[in-house]
Amino acid sequence: MGRAFEFRKARKFKRWDKMAKTFTRIGKEIVIAIKEGGTDPTSNSRLRAVIQNARAANMPKENVERAIKKATSKDQKDFKELIYEGYAPHGIAVLVETATDNHMRTVADVRSYFSKTKGSLGTAGSVEFMFEHKCHFKIENTGQDLEELELEVIDLGVEDVFAEEDGIMLYASFEDFGRVQAYLEGNDILPLSSGFERIPMDTKELSDEQVADVEKLLDKLEDNDDVLHVYHNMA
C-alpha cells in the first residue's frame, strides 16, 4: 500500500464530517459541473461523478434535484474555482481549494485566517509543487482479488489499489480521471464515489502543541462556505 492509503487513513473521519457543510459543497460542485457541461449526466462526466458522490454522502435525492434546478436558473451566479497557498505556523504547507462567486470576499477571508493564526498567505505556486494531484475512485468490494484488479487497471494509470471497510480505492494521476472512469463504466462497474485529492510528497512531524496551532487555521478555513478542500503536509 502506498502513500495514498496512508494519507486517506489519516484524513478519514477528520474533515468534512458536518453533513450540512458537505451538502453545501456538493451543491456548489453540481452548479460548476452543469455550467461546464450541461444537465445531462450521461454526457457530462463531471456531473455524473458529483451525483455519485452525493449518493455516497447520503444527500437526499430532492436536494440533488433542487441543486440541479438551481444551477440552471438565470439568477444563479457562476462559481469560480480558485486555489490559495500559504504556510500555517511551524512551516506547514497549506493548499486551499475554493469555489466562489466573489473572489474579493474569499481572498480577504483566507488572508485574515492565515494572519490571525500566525501563518502567511503565499503566492501562486509557492506550495502546490509539494503536493501530487491525484484522482480516486471507490468501487464496491465484491471479493475481487486486489492483485488481479491492479494488473487490469495499471495500464490506465492507476498507481494504488487498496481495500477499505466500505469499498476498494483506486488512485491515479489527476490527468487519468477520464480514462479510469470510462474503463469502470465500460465494464459495468459503477463507482460508489470519485474525486480528486492533493497528497503531500513529504510530511512534517509536530508536537501536540504545534498541531493545535495548525488546527486553528485549518478549522477556520474549513468553516468557510467558499472553501471546498484544504490540504496540508502535517503528519
Foldseek 3Di string as FASTA:
>chain_A
DDLVVVVCVVCPPPPPPDLVLVLLLLLLQLLQQCVVFHDDCVRRVSNVQSVLVCVLSVPDPVSVVVSNVLSPDPPDAAWDWDKWWWAFPPGKTKIFIFTDSDVVVVVVLLQVLQVVLVIHTDDPPPCLVQWFKKKKFWFACPPDDQVVVCVVCVVLAWDDWDDDPGTIMTMGHPVSVVVVVCVCVVVVTDTSHMDMDIGGPAADEDDPVVVVSRVSSVVSSSVDSRTNDMDIRHD
